[in-house]
N, C-alpha and C. Protein backbone atom coordinates (compact mmCIF):
# COMPACT_ATOMS: atom_id res chain seq x y z
N MET A 1 4.44 21.60 0.89
CA MET A 1 4.50 20.42 1.73
C MET A 1 4.32 19.17 0.88
N THR A 2 4.84 18.07 1.37
CA THR A 2 4.85 16.82 0.64
C THR A 2 3.81 15.86 1.19
N GLN A 3 3.20 15.07 0.30
CA GLN A 3 2.29 14.03 0.75
C GLN A 3 3.05 12.73 0.90
N ALA A 4 2.60 11.90 1.83
CA ALA A 4 3.23 10.61 2.07
C ALA A 4 2.15 9.57 2.31
N ILE A 5 2.52 8.32 2.09
CA ILE A 5 1.62 7.20 2.31
C ILE A 5 2.28 6.26 3.30
N SER A 6 1.50 5.71 4.23
CA SER A 6 2.05 4.81 5.23
C SER A 6 0.97 3.86 5.71
N CYS A 7 1.41 2.85 6.46
CA CYS A 7 0.48 1.89 7.06
C CYS A 7 0.50 2.11 8.56
N SER A 8 -0.68 2.26 9.15
CA SER A 8 -0.77 2.44 10.59
C SER A 8 -0.45 1.12 11.30
N PRO A 9 0.51 1.12 12.21
CA PRO A 9 0.84 -0.11 12.92
C PRO A 9 -0.29 -0.58 13.85
N LEU A 10 -1.15 0.33 14.25
CA LEU A 10 -2.25 -0.04 15.15
C LEU A 10 -3.46 -0.59 14.41
N THR A 11 -3.86 0.08 13.33
CA THR A 11 -5.09 -0.31 12.62
C THR A 11 -4.84 -1.16 11.38
N LYS A 12 -3.57 -1.20 10.93
CA LYS A 12 -3.20 -1.91 9.69
C LYS A 12 -3.92 -1.32 8.47
N ARG A 13 -4.27 -0.05 8.53
CA ARG A 13 -4.91 0.65 7.42
C ARG A 13 -3.86 1.52 6.73
N ILE A 14 -3.96 1.65 5.41
CA ILE A 14 -3.06 2.49 4.64
C ILE A 14 -3.67 3.87 4.56
N ARG A 15 -2.85 4.88 4.87
CA ARG A 15 -3.39 6.25 4.85
C ARG A 15 -2.44 7.17 4.11
N ILE A 16 -2.99 8.28 3.62
CA ILE A 16 -2.20 9.30 2.93
C ILE A 16 -2.47 10.63 3.61
N GLY A 17 -1.43 11.45 3.66
CA GLY A 17 -1.59 12.75 4.29
C GLY A 17 -0.42 13.65 3.95
N THR A 18 -0.47 14.85 4.46
CA THR A 18 0.55 15.86 4.20
C THR A 18 1.55 15.88 5.35
N LEU A 19 2.84 15.90 4.99
CA LEU A 19 3.90 15.96 5.99
C LEU A 19 4.27 17.40 6.31
N ASN A 20 4.81 17.61 7.50
CA ASN A 20 5.33 18.94 7.84
C ASN A 20 6.56 19.23 6.99
N LYS A 21 7.09 20.44 7.07
CA LYS A 21 8.23 20.84 6.23
C LYS A 21 9.45 19.96 6.47
N ALA A 22 9.63 19.50 7.69
CA ALA A 22 10.78 18.64 8.01
C ALA A 22 10.58 17.21 7.51
N GLY A 23 9.33 16.87 7.16
CA GLY A 23 9.03 15.53 6.66
C GLY A 23 9.01 14.48 7.75
N THR A 24 8.78 14.91 8.99
CA THR A 24 8.87 14.00 10.13
C THR A 24 7.53 13.57 10.71
N MET A 25 6.47 14.31 10.39
CA MET A 25 5.15 13.95 10.93
C MET A 25 4.04 14.49 10.05
N TYR A 26 2.89 13.84 10.15
CA TYR A 26 1.72 14.29 9.40
C TYR A 26 1.12 15.54 10.05
N VAL A 27 0.61 16.41 9.20
CA VAL A 27 -0.15 17.57 9.67
C VAL A 27 -1.52 17.51 9.00
N GLY A 28 -2.53 17.90 9.73
CA GLY A 28 -3.88 17.87 9.16
C GLY A 28 -4.46 16.47 9.18
N LYS A 29 -5.46 16.29 8.33
CA LYS A 29 -6.23 15.05 8.32
C LYS A 29 -5.58 13.98 7.43
N LEU A 30 -5.63 12.74 7.90
CA LEU A 30 -5.17 11.59 7.11
C LEU A 30 -6.38 10.97 6.43
N ARG A 31 -6.18 10.46 5.22
CA ARG A 31 -7.27 9.82 4.48
C ARG A 31 -6.95 8.34 4.30
N ASP A 32 -7.91 7.48 4.61
CA ASP A 32 -7.75 6.04 4.47
C ASP A 32 -7.85 5.67 2.99
N VAL A 33 -6.78 5.06 2.46
CA VAL A 33 -6.75 4.65 1.05
C VAL A 33 -6.46 3.15 0.92
N THR A 34 -6.78 2.39 1.97
CA THR A 34 -6.49 0.96 2.00
C THR A 34 -7.11 0.23 0.82
N SER A 35 -8.39 0.40 0.60
CA SER A 35 -9.08 -0.32 -0.49
C SER A 35 -8.51 0.05 -1.84
N GLU A 36 -8.22 1.33 -2.06
CA GLU A 36 -7.66 1.77 -3.33
C GLU A 36 -6.28 1.15 -3.56
N CYS A 37 -5.44 1.12 -2.53
CA CYS A 37 -4.09 0.57 -2.65
C CYS A 37 -4.12 -0.93 -2.91
N VAL A 38 -4.90 -1.66 -2.13
CA VAL A 38 -4.97 -3.11 -2.30
C VAL A 38 -5.58 -3.44 -3.67
N GLY A 39 -6.61 -2.70 -4.07
CA GLY A 39 -7.22 -2.91 -5.38
C GLY A 39 -6.24 -2.67 -6.51
N SER A 40 -5.40 -1.65 -6.38
CA SER A 40 -4.39 -1.36 -7.40
C SER A 40 -3.35 -2.46 -7.48
N ILE A 41 -2.95 -3.00 -6.35
CA ILE A 41 -1.98 -4.10 -6.34
C ILE A 41 -2.57 -5.34 -7.00
N ILE A 42 -3.83 -5.64 -6.70
CA ILE A 42 -4.50 -6.79 -7.33
C ILE A 42 -4.57 -6.59 -8.84
N GLU A 43 -4.91 -5.39 -9.27
CA GLU A 43 -4.98 -5.09 -10.70
C GLU A 43 -3.61 -5.21 -11.37
N MET A 44 -2.56 -4.76 -10.69
CA MET A 44 -1.20 -4.82 -11.22
C MET A 44 -0.74 -6.27 -11.39
N ILE A 45 -0.99 -7.10 -10.38
CA ILE A 45 -0.53 -8.50 -10.41
C ILE A 45 -1.39 -9.34 -11.34
N GLY A 46 -2.70 -9.21 -11.24
CA GLY A 46 -3.62 -9.97 -12.09
C GLY A 46 -4.19 -11.19 -11.38
N ASP A 47 -5.36 -11.62 -11.84
CA ASP A 47 -6.04 -12.78 -11.25
C ASP A 47 -5.18 -14.02 -11.37
N ASN A 48 -5.10 -14.76 -10.28
CA ASN A 48 -4.40 -16.05 -10.23
C ASN A 48 -2.94 -15.93 -10.69
N GLN A 49 -2.30 -14.83 -10.33
CA GLN A 49 -0.90 -14.59 -10.68
C GLN A 49 -0.09 -14.35 -9.40
N THR A 50 1.22 -14.45 -9.54
CA THR A 50 2.14 -14.23 -8.42
C THR A 50 3.16 -13.17 -8.81
N HIS A 51 3.54 -12.35 -7.84
CA HIS A 51 4.53 -11.29 -8.07
C HIS A 51 5.57 -11.35 -6.95
N GLN A 52 6.83 -11.35 -7.33
CA GLN A 52 7.90 -11.33 -6.34
C GLN A 52 8.32 -9.89 -6.06
N VAL A 53 8.55 -9.60 -4.79
CA VAL A 53 8.95 -8.27 -4.36
C VAL A 53 10.41 -8.31 -3.95
N THR A 54 11.20 -7.42 -4.55
CA THR A 54 12.63 -7.36 -4.28
C THR A 54 12.94 -6.21 -3.33
N VAL A 55 13.76 -6.48 -2.33
CA VAL A 55 14.21 -5.46 -1.38
C VAL A 55 15.74 -5.47 -1.38
N ASN A 56 16.32 -4.34 -1.71
CA ASN A 56 17.79 -4.23 -1.78
C ASN A 56 18.41 -5.29 -2.68
N GLY A 57 17.77 -5.55 -3.80
CA GLY A 57 18.30 -6.50 -4.78
C GLY A 57 18.05 -7.96 -4.48
N VAL A 58 17.33 -8.25 -3.41
CA VAL A 58 17.06 -9.64 -3.01
C VAL A 58 15.55 -9.87 -3.00
N VAL A 59 15.10 -10.97 -3.63
CA VAL A 59 13.68 -11.32 -3.58
C VAL A 59 13.35 -11.68 -2.14
N LYS A 60 12.44 -10.90 -1.55
CA LYS A 60 12.14 -11.08 -0.13
C LYS A 60 10.70 -11.51 0.12
N TYR A 61 9.78 -11.13 -0.77
CA TYR A 61 8.37 -11.44 -0.57
C TYR A 61 7.77 -11.96 -1.86
N GLU A 62 6.67 -12.67 -1.72
CA GLU A 62 5.90 -13.11 -2.88
C GLU A 62 4.43 -12.85 -2.58
N ILE A 63 3.76 -12.17 -3.49
CA ILE A 63 2.33 -11.87 -3.34
C ILE A 63 1.58 -12.68 -4.39
N THR A 64 0.59 -13.43 -3.94
CA THR A 64 -0.24 -14.21 -4.86
C THR A 64 -1.67 -13.70 -4.78
N VAL A 65 -2.27 -13.45 -5.94
CA VAL A 65 -3.66 -13.02 -6.04
C VAL A 65 -4.50 -14.22 -6.45
N THR A 66 -5.49 -14.57 -5.63
CA THR A 66 -6.38 -15.68 -5.93
C THR A 66 -7.81 -15.17 -5.98
N LYS A 67 -8.42 -15.26 -7.14
CA LYS A 67 -9.80 -14.82 -7.30
C LYS A 67 -10.71 -15.89 -6.69
N ILE A 68 -11.59 -15.50 -5.76
CA ILE A 68 -12.44 -16.49 -5.10
C ILE A 68 -13.91 -16.35 -5.45
N ALA A 69 -14.28 -15.30 -6.18
CA ALA A 69 -15.69 -15.12 -6.56
C ALA A 69 -15.76 -14.36 -7.88
N GLU A 70 -16.75 -14.69 -8.67
CA GLU A 70 -17.02 -13.95 -9.91
C GLU A 70 -17.83 -12.70 -9.56
N GLU A 71 -17.68 -11.68 -10.37
CA GLU A 71 -18.42 -10.43 -10.11
C GLU A 71 -19.84 -10.54 -10.57
């Protein structure tokens, strides 16, 4: 079986889980990986940097990371 990642339209949380053989629905328990995913994106882009996201060859989104507090 294959694992997949998605965003819940109701909770806006990112989750990972195992798909059925047809790949049409999750089976078993889903795990919330929202913090890990967002943290990875922040790390990829970098503090005070901007990243453009391309969809079908067209720049469609821009993500900006702004650090607001020191650790």
